[in-house]
Amino acid sequence: MSFVLFSKFRSSLIIGLFLLVLTACKVPRLQLNNGFQHSKIETKAGPEDIVLDTVSSDFPSLIISCDSRRIPEKAGFIQAMDLKTEKVKTLERKNEPQNLNFHPHGIDVVKLIDGSTKLYVVNHNELANEQSILIYKIEKDCLIFEAQLIDKQLVSPNDVAVMLQEIFSLETNFTKEMQKSAH
């Protein structure tokens, strides 16, 4: 796998795509003072990232990573909002290692050359002070665990963007602690 630091461009692109999707949705809208409209999506506590999924089913959906960061012992979850029916459901996760402490943050969806659809997830295991990238195969209403990528160089990952099979980039939070260790 290749690790590449990622620019803020992707964040702006995702926000733009998200706003574009929301303008097409038929969910209740709120008019903001600045002229923008937005819609409230009911999810479980702590939505962290949202990705537009146009490849894993016949109709687009939003994939939402959720986590209650204040309770590190409580696992997070991934939800999907069908943009046709506007229904939100929690995706079951299967075949995970028993000791996996699931706390999702940034996510991305990619369709591979073989036709399979994968979800890449930045995972923060605060209990073990471990950062990793999790890879799941997306099936109808569930996620099938495939791999966990762990490396000491994964310091404070925030988001992941998959470009090609097995090539992705990471956005990290450059912290004061990282700056001190660089000297």
N, C-alpha and C. Protein backbone atom coordinates (compact mmCIF):
# COMPACT_ATOMS: atom_id res chain seq x y z
N MET A 1 0.84 -1.18 0.00
CA MET A 1 0.00 0.00 0.00
C MET A 1 0.89 1.25 0.00
N SER A 2 0.44 2.29 -0.62
CA SER A 2 1.18 3.54 -0.66
C SER A 2 0.50 4.56 0.22
N PHE A 3 1.27 5.25 1.03
CA PHE A 3 0.75 6.30 1.90
C PHE A 3 1.20 7.65 1.32
N VAL A 4 0.27 8.53 1.13
CA VAL A 4 0.59 9.86 0.62
C VAL A 4 -0.22 10.86 1.43
N LEU A 5 0.42 11.92 1.91
CA LEU A 5 -0.34 12.95 2.61
C LEU A 5 -1.28 13.62 1.63
N PHE A 6 -2.44 13.96 2.09
CA PHE A 6 -3.50 14.44 1.22
C PHE A 6 -3.82 15.89 1.52
N SER A 7 -4.09 16.66 0.51
CA SER A 7 -4.37 18.09 0.69
C SER A 7 -5.80 18.33 1.13
N LYS A 8 -6.09 19.56 1.48
CA LYS A 8 -7.44 19.96 1.90
C LYS A 8 -8.40 20.01 0.72
N PHE A 9 -7.89 19.85 -0.52
CA PHE A 9 -8.75 19.90 -1.69
C PHE A 9 -9.87 18.87 -1.59
N ARG A 10 -9.55 17.65 -1.12
CA ARG A 10 -10.56 16.60 -1.03
C ARG A 10 -11.67 17.01 -0.09
N SER A 11 -11.34 17.66 1.03
CA SER A 11 -12.37 18.09 1.97
C SER A 11 -13.33 19.07 1.30
N SER A 12 -12.80 20.01 0.53
CA SER A 12 -13.65 20.97 -0.17
C SER A 12 -14.50 20.27 -1.21
N LEU A 13 -13.91 19.31 -1.92
CA LEU A 13 -14.65 18.56 -2.93
C LEU A 13 -15.78 17.77 -2.29
N ILE A 14 -15.51 17.11 -1.16
CA ILE A 14 -16.53 16.32 -0.47
C ILE A 14 -17.66 17.22 0.00
N ILE A 15 -17.34 18.36 0.57
CA ILE A 15 -18.37 19.28 1.03
C ILE A 15 -19.23 19.73 -0.15
N GLY A 16 -18.59 20.07 -1.27
CA GLY A 16 -19.33 20.48 -2.46
C GLY A 16 -20.24 19.38 -2.97
N LEU A 17 -19.72 18.14 -3.04
CA LEU A 17 -20.54 17.01 -3.47
C LEU A 17 -21.69 16.75 -2.51
N PHE A 18 -21.40 16.86 -1.21
CA PHE A 18 -22.43 16.65 -0.20
C PHE A 18 -23.55 17.66 -0.36
N LEU A 19 -23.20 18.93 -0.56
CA LEU A 19 -24.22 19.96 -0.75
C LEU A 19 -25.00 19.73 -2.03
N LEU A 20 -24.32 19.25 -3.08
CA LEU A 20 -25.00 18.93 -4.33
C LEU A 20 -25.99 17.80 -4.13
N VAL A 21 -25.58 16.76 -3.40
CA VAL A 21 -26.49 15.64 -3.12
C VAL A 21 -27.68 16.11 -2.31
N LEU A 22 -27.43 16.94 -1.31
CA LEU A 22 -28.54 17.41 -0.48
C LEU A 22 -29.55 18.22 -1.27
N THR A 23 -29.10 18.92 -2.30
CA THR A 23 -30.06 19.69 -3.09
C THR A 23 -30.96 18.76 -3.91
N ALA A 24 -30.50 17.52 -4.15
CA ALA A 24 -31.30 16.57 -4.90
C ALA A 24 -32.19 15.72 -4.00
N CYS A 25 -31.92 15.68 -2.71
CA CYS A 25 -32.69 14.86 -1.78
C CYS A 25 -34.03 15.50 -1.47
N LYS A 26 -34.97 14.67 -1.07
CA LYS A 26 -36.29 15.16 -0.69
C LYS A 26 -36.46 15.08 0.82
N VAL A 27 -35.45 15.49 1.55
CA VAL A 27 -35.56 15.52 3.01
C VAL A 27 -35.84 16.95 3.43
N PRO A 28 -36.40 17.16 4.62
CA PRO A 28 -36.75 18.53 5.04
C PRO A 28 -35.54 19.46 4.96
N ARG A 29 -35.79 20.67 4.47
CA ARG A 29 -34.71 21.63 4.27
C ARG A 29 -34.86 22.80 5.24
N LEU A 30 -33.73 23.35 5.62
CA LEU A 30 -33.70 24.54 6.44
C LEU A 30 -32.99 25.63 5.66
N GLN A 31 -33.54 26.81 5.63
CA GLN A 31 -32.90 27.93 4.94
C GLN A 31 -31.98 28.64 5.92
N LEU A 32 -30.72 28.78 5.57
CA LEU A 32 -29.74 29.46 6.41
C LEU A 32 -29.68 30.93 6.02
N ASN A 33 -29.18 31.76 6.93
CA ASN A 33 -29.07 33.20 6.68
C ASN A 33 -28.20 33.52 5.47
N ASN A 34 -27.22 32.65 5.17
CA ASN A 34 -26.31 32.92 4.06
C ASN A 34 -26.88 32.46 2.72
N GLY A 35 -28.13 31.99 2.69
CA GLY A 35 -28.76 31.58 1.44
C GLY A 35 -28.64 30.10 1.14
N PHE A 36 -27.75 29.37 1.83
CA PHE A 36 -27.62 27.94 1.60
C PHE A 36 -28.76 27.19 2.27
N GLN A 37 -29.10 26.05 1.70
CA GLN A 37 -30.08 25.17 2.32
C GLN A 37 -29.33 23.95 2.84
N HIS A 38 -29.80 23.39 3.92
CA HIS A 38 -29.24 22.12 4.37
C HIS A 38 -30.36 21.26 4.94
N SER A 39 -30.08 19.97 5.03
CA SER A 39 -31.05 19.02 5.52
C SER A 39 -30.49 18.29 6.71
N LYS A 40 -31.35 17.99 7.65
CA LYS A 40 -30.93 17.23 8.82
C LYS A 40 -31.11 15.74 8.53
N ILE A 41 -30.04 14.99 8.75
CA ILE A 41 -30.07 13.54 8.57
C ILE A 41 -30.00 12.92 9.95
N GLU A 42 -30.99 12.15 10.31
CA GLU A 42 -31.01 11.52 11.64
C GLU A 42 -30.10 10.30 11.66
N THR A 43 -28.99 10.41 12.40
CA THR A 43 -28.08 9.29 12.58
C THR A 43 -27.93 9.04 14.07
N LYS A 44 -27.19 8.00 14.38
CA LYS A 44 -26.85 7.77 15.77
C LYS A 44 -25.82 8.82 16.18
N ALA A 45 -25.44 8.83 17.44
CA ALA A 45 -24.53 9.86 17.97
C ALA A 45 -23.20 9.88 17.22
N GLY A 46 -22.66 11.08 17.04
CA GLY A 46 -21.30 11.28 16.58
C GLY A 46 -21.00 11.02 15.12
N PRO A 47 -21.74 11.59 14.16
CA PRO A 47 -21.33 11.42 12.76
C PRO A 47 -19.96 12.05 12.54
N GLU A 48 -19.04 11.31 11.92
CA GLU A 48 -17.67 11.76 11.72
C GLU A 48 -17.38 12.12 10.27
N ASP A 49 -17.85 11.30 9.33
CA ASP A 49 -17.57 11.53 7.91
C ASP A 49 -18.74 11.01 7.10
N ILE A 50 -18.92 11.58 5.92
CA ILE A 50 -19.99 11.17 5.01
C ILE A 50 -19.39 11.03 3.62
N VAL A 51 -19.72 9.92 2.94
CA VAL A 51 -19.23 9.68 1.59
C VAL A 51 -20.42 9.34 0.70
N LEU A 52 -20.44 9.92 -0.48
CA LEU A 52 -21.45 9.59 -1.47
C LEU A 52 -21.05 8.28 -2.13
N ASP A 53 -21.91 7.27 -2.03
CA ASP A 53 -21.65 5.95 -2.61
C ASP A 53 -22.53 5.79 -3.84
N THR A 54 -21.90 5.82 -5.00
CA THR A 54 -22.64 5.64 -6.26
C THR A 54 -22.29 4.32 -6.93
N VAL A 55 -21.51 3.46 -6.25
CA VAL A 55 -21.01 2.25 -6.91
C VAL A 55 -21.48 0.93 -6.30
N SER A 56 -21.95 0.91 -5.06
CA SER A 56 -22.24 -0.39 -4.44
C SER A 56 -23.69 -0.85 -4.62
N SER A 57 -24.56 -0.01 -5.18
CA SER A 57 -25.94 -0.43 -5.41
C SER A 57 -26.50 0.32 -6.62
N ASP A 58 -27.75 0.02 -6.95
CA ASP A 58 -28.38 0.64 -8.12
C ASP A 58 -28.70 2.11 -7.93
N PHE A 59 -28.87 2.52 -6.67
CA PHE A 59 -29.23 3.92 -6.39
C PHE A 59 -28.24 4.50 -5.39
N PRO A 60 -27.83 5.74 -5.56
CA PRO A 60 -26.83 6.34 -4.65
C PRO A 60 -27.28 6.36 -3.19
N SER A 61 -26.29 6.29 -2.32
CA SER A 61 -26.56 6.39 -0.89
C SER A 61 -25.43 7.19 -0.25
N LEU A 62 -25.67 7.62 0.97
CA LEU A 62 -24.63 8.24 1.76
C LEU A 62 -24.16 7.22 2.78
N ILE A 63 -22.86 7.03 2.89
CA ILE A 63 -22.27 6.17 3.91
C ILE A 63 -21.76 7.11 5.00
N ILE A 64 -22.12 6.84 6.24
CA ILE A 64 -21.83 7.74 7.35
C ILE A 64 -21.08 6.99 8.44
N SER A 65 -19.89 7.48 8.81
CA SER A 65 -19.18 6.88 9.94
C SER A 65 -19.61 7.61 11.20
N CYS A 66 -19.94 6.85 12.24
CA CYS A 66 -20.46 7.42 13.49
C CYS A 66 -19.70 6.85 14.68
N ASP A 67 -19.43 7.71 15.65
CA ASP A 67 -18.73 7.26 16.85
C ASP A 67 -18.98 8.25 17.98
N SER A 68 -19.22 7.72 19.16
CA SER A 68 -19.34 8.56 20.34
C SER A 68 -17.97 8.60 21.00
N ARG A 69 -17.17 9.59 20.65
CA ARG A 69 -15.78 9.68 21.10
C ARG A 69 -15.63 9.79 22.61
N ARG A 70 -16.66 10.23 23.28
CA ARG A 70 -16.56 10.43 24.74
C ARG A 70 -16.58 9.10 25.50
N ILE A 71 -16.95 8.02 24.84
CA ILE A 71 -17.01 6.71 25.48
C ILE A 71 -16.14 5.73 24.69
N PRO A 72 -14.81 5.68 24.96
CA PRO A 72 -13.93 4.84 24.15
C PRO A 72 -14.23 3.34 24.22
N GLU A 73 -14.93 2.89 25.26
CA GLU A 73 -15.27 1.47 25.38
C GLU A 73 -16.43 1.09 24.47
N LYS A 74 -17.22 2.08 24.02
CA LYS A 74 -18.40 1.82 23.21
C LYS A 74 -18.01 1.91 21.73
N ALA A 75 -18.26 0.83 20.99
CA ALA A 75 -17.89 0.78 19.58
C ALA A 75 -18.73 1.74 18.74
N GLY A 76 -18.11 2.24 17.68
CA GLY A 76 -18.82 3.07 16.72
C GLY A 76 -19.54 2.18 15.71
N PHE A 77 -20.02 2.79 14.63
CA PHE A 77 -20.79 2.05 13.63
C PHE A 77 -20.78 2.81 12.32
N ILE A 78 -21.20 2.12 11.27
CA ILE A 78 -21.33 2.72 9.94
C ILE A 78 -22.81 2.66 9.58
N GLN A 79 -23.34 3.78 9.10
CA GLN A 79 -24.74 3.83 8.67
C GLN A 79 -24.79 4.19 7.19
N ALA A 80 -25.92 3.85 6.56
CA ALA A 80 -26.14 4.19 5.16
C ALA A 80 -27.51 4.83 5.03
N MET A 81 -27.56 5.90 4.24
CA MET A 81 -28.83 6.56 3.95
C MET A 81 -29.12 6.37 2.47
N ASP A 82 -30.18 5.65 2.17
CA ASP A 82 -30.63 5.46 0.80
C ASP A 82 -31.22 6.78 0.32
N LEU A 83 -30.68 7.36 -0.73
CA LEU A 83 -31.13 8.67 -1.19
C LEU A 83 -32.46 8.61 -1.92
N LYS A 84 -32.91 7.41 -2.27
CA LYS A 84 -34.22 7.27 -2.91
C LYS A 84 -35.33 7.21 -1.87
N THR A 85 -35.10 6.38 -0.82
CA THR A 85 -36.14 6.20 0.21
C THR A 85 -35.93 7.12 1.41
N GLU A 86 -34.73 7.70 1.52
CA GLU A 86 -34.35 8.57 2.64
C GLU A 86 -34.29 7.83 3.98
N LYS A 87 -34.22 6.51 3.95
CA LYS A 87 -34.12 5.71 5.17
C LYS A 87 -32.66 5.52 5.53
N VAL A 88 -32.39 5.60 6.86
CA VAL A 88 -31.05 5.40 7.39
C VAL A 88 -31.02 4.07 8.13
N LYS A 89 -29.99 3.26 7.85
CA LYS A 89 -29.85 1.98 8.55
C LYS A 89 -28.40 1.79 8.96
N THR A 90 -28.22 1.06 10.04
CA THR A 90 -26.88 0.70 10.50
C THR A 90 -26.44 -0.55 9.76
N LEU A 91 -25.25 -0.51 9.17
CA LEU A 91 -24.72 -1.66 8.44
C LEU A 91 -24.06 -2.63 9.41
N GLU A 92 -24.48 -3.88 9.33
CA GLU A 92 -23.86 -4.92 10.16
C GLU A 92 -22.44 -5.15 9.69
N ARG A 93 -21.52 -5.32 10.64
CA ARG A 93 -20.12 -5.62 10.34
C ARG A 93 -19.88 -7.10 10.67
N LYS A 94 -19.32 -7.83 9.71
CA LYS A 94 -19.10 -9.27 9.89
C LYS A 94 -17.62 -9.62 9.75
N ASN A 95 -17.25 -10.74 10.39
CA ASN A 95 -15.92 -11.35 10.28
C ASN A 95 -14.78 -10.48 10.83
N GLU A 96 -15.09 -9.60 11.77
CA GLU A 96 -14.03 -8.78 12.38
C GLU A 96 -13.28 -9.60 13.43
N PRO A 97 -12.00 -9.25 13.64
CA PRO A 97 -11.27 -9.89 14.73
C PRO A 97 -11.98 -9.59 16.06
N GLN A 98 -11.97 -10.53 16.99
CA GLN A 98 -12.67 -10.36 18.26
C GLN A 98 -12.16 -9.16 19.05
N ASN A 99 -10.89 -8.84 18.93
CA ASN A 99 -10.31 -7.76 19.73
C ASN A 99 -10.37 -6.40 19.03
N LEU A 100 -11.09 -6.30 17.90
CA LEU A 100 -11.16 -5.03 17.18
C LEU A 100 -12.00 -4.03 17.97
N ASN A 101 -11.41 -2.90 18.28
CA ASN A 101 -12.09 -1.80 18.96
C ASN A 101 -12.45 -0.79 17.87
N PHE A 102 -13.71 -0.80 17.41
CA PHE A 102 -14.15 -0.06 16.23
C PHE A 102 -14.55 1.37 16.57
N HIS A 103 -13.73 2.33 16.10
CA HIS A 103 -14.00 3.76 16.29
C HIS A 103 -13.69 4.47 14.97
N PRO A 104 -14.67 4.47 14.04
CA PRO A 104 -14.43 5.00 12.69
C PRO A 104 -14.32 6.51 12.65
N HIS A 105 -13.53 6.98 11.71
CA HIS A 105 -13.41 8.42 11.48
C HIS A 105 -13.59 8.63 9.98
N GLY A 106 -12.54 8.96 9.24
CA GLY A 106 -12.66 9.20 7.81
C GLY A 106 -12.93 7.92 7.05
N ILE A 107 -13.70 8.02 5.96
CA ILE A 107 -14.07 6.85 5.16
C ILE A 107 -14.00 7.19 3.68
N ASP A 108 -13.89 6.14 2.85
CA ASP A 108 -14.00 6.29 1.41
C ASP A 108 -14.47 4.97 0.81
N VAL A 109 -15.16 5.08 -0.33
CA VAL A 109 -15.70 3.92 -1.05
C VAL A 109 -15.04 3.86 -2.41
N VAL A 110 -14.69 2.65 -2.86
CA VAL A 110 -14.09 2.48 -4.18
C VAL A 110 -14.59 1.18 -4.79
N LYS A 111 -14.82 1.20 -6.10
CA LYS A 111 -15.14 -0.02 -6.84
C LYS A 111 -13.86 -0.47 -7.53
N LEU A 112 -13.46 -1.71 -7.28
CA LEU A 112 -12.20 -2.22 -7.81
C LEU A 112 -12.38 -2.84 -9.19
N ILE A 113 -11.28 -3.11 -9.83
CA ILE A 113 -11.28 -3.68 -11.18
C ILE A 113 -12.06 -4.99 -11.23
N ASP A 114 -12.00 -5.78 -10.16
CA ASP A 114 -12.71 -7.07 -10.13
C ASP A 114 -14.22 -6.90 -9.90
N GLY A 115 -14.69 -5.67 -9.74
CA GLY A 115 -16.13 -5.42 -9.56
C GLY A 115 -16.57 -5.32 -8.11
N SER A 116 -15.70 -5.67 -7.18
CA SER A 116 -16.07 -5.59 -5.76
C SER A 116 -16.01 -4.14 -5.29
N THR A 117 -16.80 -3.84 -4.28
CA THR A 117 -16.83 -2.49 -3.71
C THR A 117 -16.27 -2.56 -2.30
N LYS A 118 -15.33 -1.67 -1.99
CA LYS A 118 -14.66 -1.67 -0.68
C LYS A 118 -14.91 -0.35 0.05
N LEU A 119 -14.97 -0.47 1.37
CA LEU A 119 -15.04 0.69 2.24
C LEU A 119 -13.74 0.73 3.04
N TYR A 120 -13.02 1.84 2.92
CA TYR A 120 -11.80 2.06 3.70
C TYR A 120 -12.18 2.96 4.87
N VAL A 121 -11.71 2.61 6.07
CA VAL A 121 -12.11 3.32 7.29
C VAL A 121 -10.88 3.65 8.12
N VAL A 122 -10.71 4.94 8.47
CA VAL A 122 -9.70 5.31 9.46
C VAL A 122 -10.27 4.91 10.82
N ASN A 123 -9.50 4.14 11.59
CA ASN A 123 -9.98 3.65 12.88
C ASN A 123 -9.05 4.13 14.00
N HIS A 124 -9.65 4.72 15.04
CA HIS A 124 -8.90 5.20 16.20
C HIS A 124 -9.21 4.30 17.40
N ASN A 125 -8.26 3.46 17.77
CA ASN A 125 -8.42 2.62 18.96
C ASN A 125 -7.68 3.32 20.10
N GLU A 126 -8.38 4.19 20.80
CA GLU A 126 -7.75 4.97 21.87
C GLU A 126 -7.35 4.09 23.05
N LEU A 127 -8.06 3.00 23.29
CA LEU A 127 -7.73 2.12 24.42
C LEU A 127 -6.35 1.48 24.25
N ALA A 128 -5.98 1.16 23.01
CA ALA A 128 -4.68 0.55 22.73
C ALA A 128 -3.69 1.55 22.14
N ASN A 129 -4.10 2.83 22.05
CA ASN A 129 -3.27 3.87 21.44
C ASN A 129 -2.80 3.42 20.06
N GLU A 130 -3.77 2.96 19.25
CA GLU A 130 -3.47 2.38 17.94
C GLU A 130 -4.34 3.04 16.87
N GLN A 131 -3.69 3.40 15.77
CA GLN A 131 -4.38 3.95 14.60
C GLN A 131 -4.26 2.93 13.48
N SER A 132 -5.33 2.77 12.69
CA SER A 132 -5.25 1.81 11.60
C SER A 132 -6.22 2.19 10.49
N ILE A 133 -6.06 1.50 9.36
CA ILE A 133 -7.00 1.60 8.25
C ILE A 133 -7.67 0.23 8.15
N LEU A 134 -8.99 0.22 8.19
CA LEU A 134 -9.75 -1.02 8.05
C LEU A 134 -10.33 -1.09 6.64
N ILE A 135 -10.35 -2.29 6.09
CA ILE A 135 -10.90 -2.48 4.75
C ILE A 135 -12.04 -3.50 4.84
N TYR A 136 -13.20 -3.10 4.31
CA TYR A 136 -14.40 -3.94 4.29
C TYR A 136 -14.89 -4.10 2.86
N LYS A 137 -15.44 -5.25 2.55
CA LYS A 137 -16.16 -5.45 1.31
C LYS A 137 -17.61 -5.05 1.59
N ILE A 138 -18.19 -4.22 0.73
CA ILE A 138 -19.58 -3.80 0.92
C ILE A 138 -20.48 -4.80 0.22
N GLU A 139 -21.40 -5.38 0.99
CA GLU A 139 -22.44 -6.23 0.43
C GLU A 139 -23.77 -5.56 0.72
N LYS A 140 -24.86 -6.13 0.31
CA LYS A 140 -26.17 -5.47 0.36
C LYS A 140 -26.41 -4.63 1.61
N ASP A 141 -26.50 -5.23 2.76
CA ASP A 141 -26.76 -4.50 4.00
C ASP A 141 -25.70 -4.73 5.05
N CYS A 142 -24.50 -5.12 4.61
CA CYS A 142 -23.47 -5.40 5.61
C CYS A 142 -22.08 -5.11 5.06
N LEU A 143 -21.14 -5.08 5.98
CA LEU A 143 -19.73 -4.88 5.67
C LEU A 143 -18.97 -6.14 6.09
N ILE A 144 -18.21 -6.72 5.18
CA ILE A 144 -17.42 -7.92 5.45
C ILE A 144 -15.97 -7.49 5.67
N PHE A 145 -15.46 -7.70 6.88
CA PHE A 145 -14.09 -7.31 7.22
C PHE A 145 -13.11 -8.09 6.35
N GLU A 146 -12.10 -7.37 5.80
CA GLU A 146 -11.06 -8.00 4.99
C GLU A 146 -9.66 -7.80 5.54
N ALA A 147 -9.36 -6.59 6.04
CA ALA A 147 -7.98 -6.34 6.47
C ALA A 147 -7.92 -5.15 7.42
N GLN A 148 -6.87 -5.16 8.24
CA GLN A 148 -6.54 -4.03 9.11
C GLN A 148 -5.09 -3.68 8.85
N LEU A 149 -4.85 -2.45 8.41
CA LEU A 149 -3.50 -1.99 8.12
C LEU A 149 -3.01 -1.16 9.30
N ILE A 150 -1.92 -1.61 9.91
CA ILE A 150 -1.37 -0.93 11.08
C ILE A 150 0.09 -0.61 10.78
N ASP A 151 0.51 0.60 11.10
CA ASP A 151 1.89 1.01 10.91
C ASP A 151 2.21 2.11 11.90
N LYS A 152 3.43 2.10 12.44
CA LYS A 152 3.83 3.15 13.39
C LYS A 152 3.80 4.54 12.76
N GLN A 153 3.88 4.61 11.44
CA GLN A 153 3.85 5.89 10.75
C GLN A 153 2.43 6.47 10.64
N LEU A 154 1.44 5.70 10.99
CA LEU A 154 0.07 6.22 11.02
C LEU A 154 -0.10 7.00 12.31
N VAL A 155 0.12 8.30 12.23
CA VAL A 155 0.01 9.16 13.40
C VAL A 155 -1.12 10.15 13.15
N SER A 156 -2.15 10.07 13.94
CA SER A 156 -3.28 10.99 13.87
C SER A 156 -3.93 11.06 12.49
N PRO A 157 -4.23 9.89 11.86
CA PRO A 157 -4.92 9.94 10.57
C PRO A 157 -6.33 10.50 10.75
N ASN A 158 -6.78 11.25 9.79
CA ASN A 158 -8.08 11.90 9.87
C ASN A 158 -9.02 11.41 8.78
N ASP A 159 -8.51 11.26 7.56
CA ASP A 159 -9.36 10.87 6.44
C ASP A 159 -8.55 10.03 5.47
N VAL A 160 -9.25 9.25 4.66
CA VAL A 160 -8.62 8.38 3.68
C VAL A 160 -9.33 8.60 2.34
N ALA A 161 -8.55 8.58 1.26
CA ALA A 161 -9.10 8.70 -0.09
C ALA A 161 -8.49 7.59 -0.93
N VAL A 162 -9.32 6.71 -1.46
CA VAL A 162 -8.84 5.59 -2.26
C VAL A 162 -8.87 6.02 -3.72
N MET A 163 -7.72 5.86 -4.39
CA MET A 163 -7.64 6.29 -5.78
C MET A 163 -7.63 5.11 -6.73
N LEU A 164 -6.88 4.11 -6.44
CA LEU A 164 -6.79 2.90 -7.25
C LEU A 164 -6.72 1.72 -6.29
N GLN A 165 -6.85 0.52 -6.84
CA GLN A 165 -6.74 -0.66 -5.99
C GLN A 165 -5.43 -0.63 -5.24
N GLU A 166 -5.50 -0.68 -3.92
CA GLU A 166 -4.37 -0.72 -3.01
C GLU A 166 -3.52 0.55 -3.00
N ILE A 167 -4.02 1.65 -3.55
CA ILE A 167 -3.31 2.92 -3.45
C ILE A 167 -4.28 3.92 -2.86
N PHE A 168 -3.89 4.51 -1.76
CA PHE A 168 -4.76 5.50 -1.13
C PHE A 168 -3.92 6.57 -0.49
N SER A 169 -4.56 7.67 -0.16
CA SER A 169 -3.86 8.75 0.51
C SER A 169 -4.54 9.02 1.84
N LEU A 170 -3.78 9.59 2.75
CA LEU A 170 -4.29 9.91 4.08
C LEU A 170 -4.15 11.39 4.35
N GLU A 171 -5.11 11.92 5.07
CA GLU A 171 -5.00 13.27 5.60
C GLU A 171 -4.77 13.10 7.09
N THR A 172 -3.77 13.80 7.61
CA THR A 172 -3.48 13.70 9.04
C THR A 172 -3.68 15.04 9.72
N ASN A 173 -3.90 14.99 11.02
CA ASN A 173 -3.96 16.20 11.84
C ASN A 173 -2.55 16.45 12.35
N PHE A 174 -1.88 17.48 11.87
CA PHE A 174 -0.54 17.79 12.33
C PHE A 174 -0.65 18.48 13.69
N THR A 175 -0.24 17.79 14.72
CA THR A 175 -0.41 18.29 16.08
C THR A 175 0.90 18.86 16.62
N LYS A 176 0.82 19.55 17.75
CA LYS A 176 2.01 20.09 18.40
C LYS A 176 2.95 18.96 18.80
N GLU A 177 2.39 17.81 19.22
CA GLU A 177 3.22 16.68 19.61
C GLU A 177 4.02 16.17 18.41
N MET A 178 3.38 16.15 17.24
CA MET A 178 4.08 15.69 16.03
C MET A 178 5.20 16.67 15.67
N GLN A 179 4.95 17.96 15.84
CA GLN A 179 5.94 18.97 15.55
C GLN A 179 7.16 18.82 16.46
N LYS A 180 6.92 18.56 17.78
CA LYS A 180 8.03 18.38 18.71
C LYS A 180 8.86 17.17 18.36
N SER A 181 8.21 16.06 17.95
CA SER A 181 8.96 14.83 17.64
C SER A 181 9.70 14.95 16.33
N ALA A 182 9.35 15.91 15.47
CA ALA A 182 10.03 16.08 14.20
C ALA A 182 11.38 16.76 14.37
N HIS A 183 11.62 17.39 15.50
CA HIS A 183 12.88 18.11 15.71
C HIS A 183 13.93 17.25 16.35
